Amino acid sequence: MQGVNTMEFAAIDLGVRGATSGVFLMIILVAWLRRASNQQALLGMAMSAGGIFYAIATAPFSITCWCASPSSAWC
């Protein structure tokens, strides 16, 4: 059985991050459309948004300088 090389691992990692971000975004949209106003729903929305931003910011081969500050559009 052949081992997984670096590019295959990066592709799997990006795919899982994208799927997770999609699920978190769906959680946020469903809670938003149901007009959830209790504290547990709002906390879930905030944690899902944090998960999306964390997955994007820590992704391999990503340009993360755009999230460093609003004034630094290019690194």
Protein backbone atom coordinates (compact mmCIF):
# COMPACT_ATOMS: atom_id res chain seq x y z
CA MET A 1 0.00 0.00 0.00
CA GLN A 2 1.38 3.36 -1.00
CA GLY A 3 1.77 6.16 1.55
CA VAL A 4 0.14 9.55 1.25
CA ASN A 5 2.44 12.29 -0.01
CA THR A 6 2.34 15.95 0.97
CA MET A 7 0.14 17.18 -1.88
CA GLU A 8 -2.42 14.43 -1.33
CA PHE A 9 -2.55 15.26 2.35
CA ALA A 10 -2.98 18.97 1.56
CA ALA A 11 -5.82 18.20 -0.87
CA ILE A 12 -7.58 16.03 1.72
CA ASP A 13 -7.04 18.71 4.37
CA LEU A 14 -8.49 21.46 2.17
CA GLY A 15 -11.44 19.27 1.23
CA VAL A 16 -12.29 18.49 4.84
CA ARG A 17 -11.89 22.16 5.81
CA GLY A 18 -14.21 23.20 2.98
CA ALA A 19 -16.84 20.64 3.93
CA THR A 20 -16.66 21.65 7.59
CA SER A 21 -16.95 25.32 6.70
CA GLY A 22 -19.99 24.51 4.56
CA VAL A 23 -21.69 22.66 7.41
CA PHE A 24 -20.94 25.50 9.84
CA LEU A 25 -22.29 28.03 7.34
CA MET A 26 -25.45 25.95 6.93
CA ILE A 27 -25.90 25.91 10.73
CA ILE A 28 -25.61 29.70 10.80
CA LEU A 29 -28.06 30.18 7.93
CA VAL A 30 -30.66 27.79 9.38
CA ALA A 31 -30.49 29.48 12.78
CA TRP A 32 -30.70 32.89 11.08
CA LEU A 33 -33.74 31.91 9.00
CA ARG A 34 -35.54 30.45 12.04
CA ARG A 35 -34.99 33.78 13.81
CA ALA A 36 -33.36 32.05 16.76
CA SER A 37 -33.10 34.42 19.68
CA ASN A 38 -32.24 32.26 22.68
CA GLN A 39 -28.72 32.30 24.07
CA GLN A 40 -27.86 28.76 23.04
CA ALA A 41 -28.70 29.40 19.39
CA LEU A 42 -26.74 32.66 19.34
CA LEU A 43 -23.76 30.94 20.96
CA GLY A 44 -23.97 28.18 18.36
CA MET A 45 -23.99 30.73 15.57
CA ALA A 46 -21.00 32.55 17.05
CA MET A 47 -19.04 29.32 17.53
CA SER A 48 -19.84 28.21 13.98
CA ALA A 49 -18.64 31.54 12.60
CA GLY A 50 -15.46 31.20 14.66
CA GLY A 51 -14.95 27.70 13.29
CA ILE A 52 -15.28 28.96 9.73
CA PHE A 53 -12.75 31.73 10.25
CA TYR A 54 -10.34 29.38 12.06
CA ALA A 55 -10.52 26.83 9.23
CA ILE A 56 -9.79 29.51 6.65
CA ALA A 57 -7.00 31.19 8.61
CA THR A 58 -5.11 27.97 9.37
CA ALA A 59 -5.49 26.32 5.96
CA PRO A 60 -2.27 25.27 4.22
CA PHE A 61 -1.23 27.22 1.12
CA SER A 62 -3.62 30.06 1.95
CA ILE A 63 -2.95 33.77 1.83
CA THR A 64 -3.69 34.90 5.36
CA CYS A 65 -2.32 38.43 5.15
CA TRP A 66 -5.76 39.76 4.16
CA CYS A 67 -7.08 39.02 7.63
CA ALA A 68 -4.17 40.63 9.48
CA SER A 69 -5.53 44.16 9.24
CA PRO A 70 -8.02 45.97 7.02
CA SER A 71 -5.41 48.39 5.72
CA SER A 72 -2.98 45.74 4.50
CA ALA A 73 -4.71 44.49 1.38
CA TRP A 74 -1.46 43.12 -0.09
CA CYS A 75 1.52 41.69 1.77
